[in-house]
Amino acid sequence: MAKPLMAKATAVWLVDNTTISFKQIADFVGMHELEVQGIADGDVAAGVKGFDPIANNQLTQEEIDTAQNNPLHKLKLKFNPAASGEEKRRGPRYTPLSKRQDRPNSILWLVKFHPELSDGQIAKLVGTTKPTIQSIRERTHWNISNMQPIDPVALGLCKQSELDAIVQKAAAKKAAEGGVMSDDERRKLVSTEQSLEMDSAPKIPTAIEGLETFSLSDEPEDKEDDEPIVDADSFFNLPKGGGDEEDEDDLRP
């Protein structure tokens, strides 16, 4: 639920000018009930001037009256058409300075593994410009020889859900165009969860499938069963009693 502007100052005004319960005020301004009680006791927000939500077009007097008469009523922020859509992010994504050096590597990863994404989608996903993406696609980027493709999710440049949403949109567009996708393309255009649930491709090509048991020998497989069992005596071919005779000859004078 949307929260009012200057939440703590609004809570101060509601505590000072209404009989609305602490729980109702806390839920409305997004604070803990004990914080609102601390405002009433003077332990919290000391010196903060109250912010009138009625004069600032955030609440109506009727809404306040209803909340005062019904302790279970939840205050609702007054709808302001001028503020509609302000919670949405506008412009390119902001990338922290510490991660900007990794951004070309993420663009290279997206260009390599998701070529179906447009330059605008990549720019919105990782916060870059279309000329930079184009230079990486054409391999004319000044640092292309030192770049390595790295998943933007692993770099923290975007969320996995955001990446999945974009590839899902590309998959829907591909299906609408009637294009036939290979297994590799199909795995690239689906989300991570769906890709992990797919059957893995056969490791042996179809053209030579079944030849892994092929043998050039005509000998039967149960050859080992026909071979005689060799014990230790027959293997070394030792004559019985031979060792005792040699010992007796050595003892004679």
Protein backbone atom coordinates (compact mmCIF):
# COMPACT_ATOMS: atom_id res chain seq x y z
CA MET A 1 0.00 0.00 0.00
CA ALA A 2 1.22 3.53 -0.79
CA LYS A 3 2.53 5.53 2.16
CA PRO A 4 1.99 9.24 2.82
CA LEU A 5 4.65 11.89 2.37
CA MET A 6 6.65 12.80 5.49
CA ALA A 7 5.36 9.75 7.35
CA LYS A 8 6.76 10.64 10.79
CA ALA A 9 5.51 14.22 10.64
CA THR A 10 2.09 12.94 9.51
CA ALA A 11 2.04 10.56 12.46
CA VAL A 12 2.83 13.47 14.81
CA TRP A 13 -0.12 15.44 13.44
CA LEU A 14 -2.52 12.50 13.71
CA VAL A 15 -1.46 11.82 17.31
CA ASP A 16 -1.89 15.48 18.29
CA ASN A 17 -5.12 16.23 16.44
CA THR A 18 -7.15 13.01 16.33
CA THR A 19 -8.23 10.13 18.54
CA ILE A 20 -7.24 7.48 16.02
CA SER A 21 -5.59 4.46 17.66
CA PHE A 22 -1.84 3.94 17.54
CA LYS A 23 -2.31 0.78 15.49
CA GLN A 24 -4.30 2.61 12.82
CA ILE A 25 -1.75 5.39 12.57
CA ALA A 26 1.15 2.92 12.47
CA ASP A 27 -0.44 0.97 9.63
CA PHE A 28 -1.13 4.16 7.67
CA VAL A 29 2.33 5.73 7.91
CA GLY A 30 4.32 2.48 7.83
CA MET A 31 5.75 2.67 11.34
CA HIS A 32 5.68 0.32 14.31
CA GLU A 33 2.90 0.77 16.84
CA LEU A 34 5.44 1.32 19.63
CA GLU A 35 7.01 4.18 17.64
CA VAL A 36 3.64 5.90 17.43
CA GLN A 37 3.17 5.38 21.15
CA GLY A 38 6.63 6.89 21.67
CA ILE A 39 5.50 9.95 19.71
CA ALA A 40 2.54 10.30 22.03
CA ASP A 41 4.81 9.96 25.08
CA GLY A 42 7.29 12.47 23.70
CA ASP A 43 10.14 9.97 23.44
CA VAL A 44 10.12 9.78 19.62
CA ALA A 45 10.18 12.56 17.01
CA ALA A 46 10.85 15.27 19.55
CA GLY A 47 10.84 18.66 17.82
CA VAL A 48 9.22 17.30 14.63
CA LYS A 49 6.47 19.60 13.37
CA GLY A 50 3.23 17.90 12.43
CA PHE A 51 2.36 17.57 8.76
CA ASP A 52 -1.35 18.08 8.08
CA PRO A 53 -2.48 15.27 5.72
CA ILE A 54 -5.82 17.00 5.03
CA ALA A 55 -4.28 20.28 3.92
CA ASN A 56 -1.74 18.39 1.81
CA ASN A 57 -4.39 16.34 0.01
CA GLN A 58 -3.43 12.97 1.55
CA LEU A 59 -6.49 12.32 3.72
CA THR A 60 -10.07 13.55 3.87
CA GLN A 61 -11.93 14.59 7.00
CA GLU A 62 -14.50 11.90 6.33
CA GLU A 63 -11.77 9.24 6.31
CA ILE A 64 -10.45 10.49 9.64
CA ASP A 65 -13.94 10.57 11.16
CA THR A 66 -14.59 7.01 10.03
CA ALA A 67 -11.31 5.83 11.56
CA GLN A 68 -12.08 7.57 14.86
CA ASN A 69 -15.50 5.92 15.09
CA ASN A 70 -14.25 2.46 14.07
CA PRO A 71 -10.96 1.25 15.61
CA LEU A 72 -10.79 -1.54 13.02
CA HIS A 73 -10.98 0.82 10.04
CA LYS A 74 -7.76 1.18 8.04
CA LEU A 75 -6.90 4.64 6.79
CA LYS A 76 -6.67 4.90 3.03
CA LEU A 77 -4.50 7.43 1.25
CA LYS A 78 -6.50 9.86 -0.86
CA PHE A 79 -6.17 9.19 -4.57
CA ASN A 80 -4.12 11.85 -6.33
CA PRO A 81 -4.23 11.63 -10.14
CA ALA A 82 -1.14 13.82 -10.44
CA ALA A 83 0.93 11.28 -8.50
CA SER A 84 -0.25 8.29 -10.52
CA GLY A 85 2.71 6.32 -11.85
CA GLU A 86 5.30 8.16 -9.77
CA GLU A 87 6.31 4.93 -8.06
CA LYS A 88 7.53 3.51 -11.37
CA ARG A 89 11.18 3.90 -12.30
CA ARG A 90 11.85 6.22 -15.19
CA GLY A 91 14.85 6.55 -17.43
CA PRO A 92 17.77 4.12 -17.71
CA ARG A 93 18.69 1.85 -14.84
CA TYR A 94 21.23 3.31 -12.46
CA THR A 95 24.38 1.21 -12.17
CA PRO A 96 26.73 1.75 -9.20
CA LEU A 97 30.24 2.92 -10.03
CA SER A 98 31.75 -0.27 -8.61
CA LYS A 99 29.85 -2.38 -11.15
CA ARG A 100 30.09 -0.24 -14.26
CA GLN A 101 33.35 -1.85 -15.32
CA ASP A 102 31.58 -5.24 -15.44
CA ARG A 103 28.71 -3.97 -17.57
CA PRO A 104 30.41 -4.65 -20.98
CA ASN A 105 30.98 -8.27 -19.92
CA SER A 106 27.29 -8.66 -19.13
CA ILE A 107 26.34 -7.12 -22.48
CA LEU A 108 28.63 -9.58 -24.24
CA TRP A 109 26.92 -12.44 -22.36
CA LEU A 110 23.47 -11.25 -23.39
CA VAL A 111 24.51 -10.74 -27.02
CA LYS A 112 26.08 -14.20 -27.14
CA PHE A 113 23.47 -16.29 -25.35
CA HIS A 114 20.35 -14.23 -26.07
CA PRO A 115 20.77 -12.73 -29.55
CA GLU A 116 16.99 -12.46 -29.83
CA LEU A 117 16.98 -9.56 -27.34
CA SER A 118 16.81 -6.12 -28.89
CA ASP A 119 19.24 -3.34 -28.07
CA GLY A 120 16.48 -1.52 -26.20
CA GLN A 121 15.76 -4.53 -23.99
CA ILE A 122 19.44 -5.00 -23.14
CA ALA A 123 19.85 -1.29 -22.45
CA LYS A 124 16.90 -1.34 -20.07
CA LEU A 125 18.07 -4.53 -18.36
CA VAL A 126 21.66 -3.55 -17.49
CA GLY A 127 21.51 0.24 -17.85
CA THR A 128 23.64 0.95 -20.90
CA THR A 129 23.38 2.73 -24.25
CA LYS A 130 22.53 1.40 -27.68
CA PRO A 131 25.86 2.50 -29.29
CA THR A 132 27.74 0.46 -26.69
CA ILE A 133 25.61 -2.61 -27.40
CA GLN A 134 26.05 -2.16 -31.14
CA SER A 135 29.83 -1.92 -30.82
CA ILE A 136 29.89 -5.16 -28.83
CA ARG A 137 27.63 -6.90 -31.36
CA GLU A 138 29.95 -5.84 -34.20
CA ARG A 139 33.05 -6.54 -32.05
CA THR A 140 34.34 -3.00 -32.59
CA HIS A 141 34.42 -2.13 -28.90
CA TRP A 142 37.78 -0.74 -27.83
CA ASN A 143 38.21 -3.43 -25.13
CA ILE A 144 36.59 -6.37 -26.92
CA SER A 145 39.77 -8.48 -26.79
CA ASN A 146 39.82 -8.39 -22.97
CA MET A 147 36.10 -8.95 -22.41
CA GLN A 148 34.60 -12.17 -21.09
CA PRO A 149 30.87 -13.02 -21.18
CA ILE A 150 29.49 -12.99 -17.62
CA ASP A 151 25.89 -13.46 -16.53
CA PRO A 152 24.44 -10.07 -15.50
CA VAL A 153 22.53 -11.78 -12.69
CA ALA A 154 25.80 -13.07 -11.23
CA LEU A 155 27.23 -9.55 -11.47
CA GLY A 156 24.24 -8.11 -9.65
CA LEU A 157 23.24 -5.85 -12.57
CA CYS A 158 19.72 -7.26 -12.76
CA LYS A 159 17.44 -9.81 -11.12
CA GLN A 160 16.81 -13.31 -12.45
CA SER A 161 13.09 -12.53 -12.60
CA GLU A 162 13.78 -9.50 -14.81
CA LEU A 163 15.93 -11.53 -17.17
CA ASP A 164 13.32 -14.30 -17.32
CA ALA A 165 10.58 -11.77 -18.09
CA ILE A 166 12.50 -10.37 -21.04
CA VAL A 167 13.36 -13.76 -22.54
CA GLN A 168 9.75 -14.85 -22.07
CA LYS A 169 8.66 -11.79 -24.03
CA ALA A 170 11.15 -12.67 -26.76
CA ALA A 171 9.81 -16.24 -26.79
CA ALA A 172 6.25 -14.99 -27.26
CA LYS A 173 7.35 -12.72 -30.10
CA LYS A 174 9.23 -15.58 -31.75
CA ALA A 175 6.18 -17.82 -31.52
CA ALA A 176 3.93 -15.08 -32.90
CA GLU A 177 6.18 -14.73 -35.93
CA GLY A 178 5.85 -18.45 -36.60
CA GLY A 179 9.57 -19.18 -36.48
CA VAL A 180 10.77 -22.70 -35.77
CA MET A 181 13.20 -22.85 -32.87
CA SER A 182 15.86 -25.45 -32.25
CA ASP A 183 16.36 -27.06 -28.85
CA ASP A 184 19.16 -24.65 -27.98
CA GLU A 185 17.10 -21.62 -28.97
CA ARG A 186 14.12 -22.94 -27.05
CA ARG A 187 16.19 -23.24 -23.88
CA LYS A 188 17.54 -19.71 -24.32
CA LEU A 189 14.08 -18.22 -24.68
CA VAL A 190 12.52 -19.74 -21.57
CA SER A 191 12.98 -18.97 -17.91
CA THR A 192 15.55 -20.68 -15.73
CA GLU A 193 12.95 -22.81 -13.94
CA GLN A 194 11.44 -24.10 -17.18
CA SER A 195 14.84 -24.75 -18.72
CA LEU A 196 15.91 -26.90 -15.77
CA GLU A 197 12.73 -28.99 -16.07
CA MET A 198 13.31 -29.85 -19.76
CA ASP A 199 14.63 -33.21 -20.85
CA SER A 200 18.34 -33.17 -21.57
CA ALA A 201 19.47 -33.70 -25.14
CA PRO A 202 20.96 -37.13 -26.00
CA LYS A 203 24.70 -37.23 -25.59
CA ILE A 204 25.15 -39.48 -28.63
CA PRO A 205 24.17 -38.11 -32.06
CA THR A 206 21.14 -39.73 -33.61
CA ALA A 207 23.11 -40.81 -36.69
CA ILE A 208 25.36 -43.12 -34.68
CA GLU A 209 22.98 -43.96 -31.88
CA GLY A 210 23.16 -47.66 -31.00
CA LEU A 211 26.78 -48.10 -32.12
CA GLU A 212 28.14 -47.75 -28.60
CA THR A 213 27.79 -51.55 -28.15
CA PHE A 214 29.33 -52.36 -31.54
CA SER A 215 32.26 -54.79 -31.41
CA LEU A 216 34.67 -56.03 -34.12
CA SER A 217 35.20 -59.34 -32.40
CA ASP A 218 33.08 -62.40 -33.33
CA GLU A 219 33.76 -64.11 -30.05
CA PRO A 220 30.71 -64.71 -27.87
CA GLU A 221 30.20 -62.53 -24.87
CA ASP A 222 30.26 -65.50 -22.47
CA LYS A 223 33.88 -66.35 -23.33
CA GLU A 224 34.90 -65.92 -19.73
CA ASP A 225 32.51 -68.70 -18.67
CA ASP A 226 34.30 -71.27 -20.97
CA GLU A 227 37.83 -70.52 -19.75
CA PRO A 228 39.22 -72.96 -17.19
CA ILE A 229 39.65 -71.79 -13.67
CA VAL A 230 43.33 -71.34 -12.88
CA ASP A 231 44.51 -71.84 -9.33
CA ALA A 232 47.81 -70.78 -7.79
CA ASP A 233 49.50 -74.20 -8.16
CA SER A 234 48.70 -74.62 -11.83
CA PHE A 235 49.69 -71.06 -12.58
CA PHE A 236 53.20 -71.42 -11.21
CA ASN A 237 53.40 -75.13 -12.30
CA LEU A 238 55.20 -76.18 -9.14
CA PRO A 239 55.95 -79.95 -8.78
CA LYS A 240 54.63 -81.51 -5.64
CA GLY A 241 57.32 -82.34 -3.09
CA GLY A 242 60.08 -80.74 -5.13
CA GLY A 243 60.99 -78.30 -2.43
CA ASP A 244 61.53 -81.05 0.17
CA GLU A 245 63.96 -83.02 -2.04
CA GLU A 246 66.12 -79.99 -2.67
CA ASP A 247 66.32 -79.33 1.05
CA GLU A 248 67.47 -82.94 1.75
CA ASP A 249 70.30 -82.71 -0.84
CA ASP A 250 71.56 -79.53 0.69
CA LEU A 251 71.79 -81.16 4.15
CA ARG A 252 73.95 -84.13 3.01
CA PRO A 253 77.73 -83.91 3.74
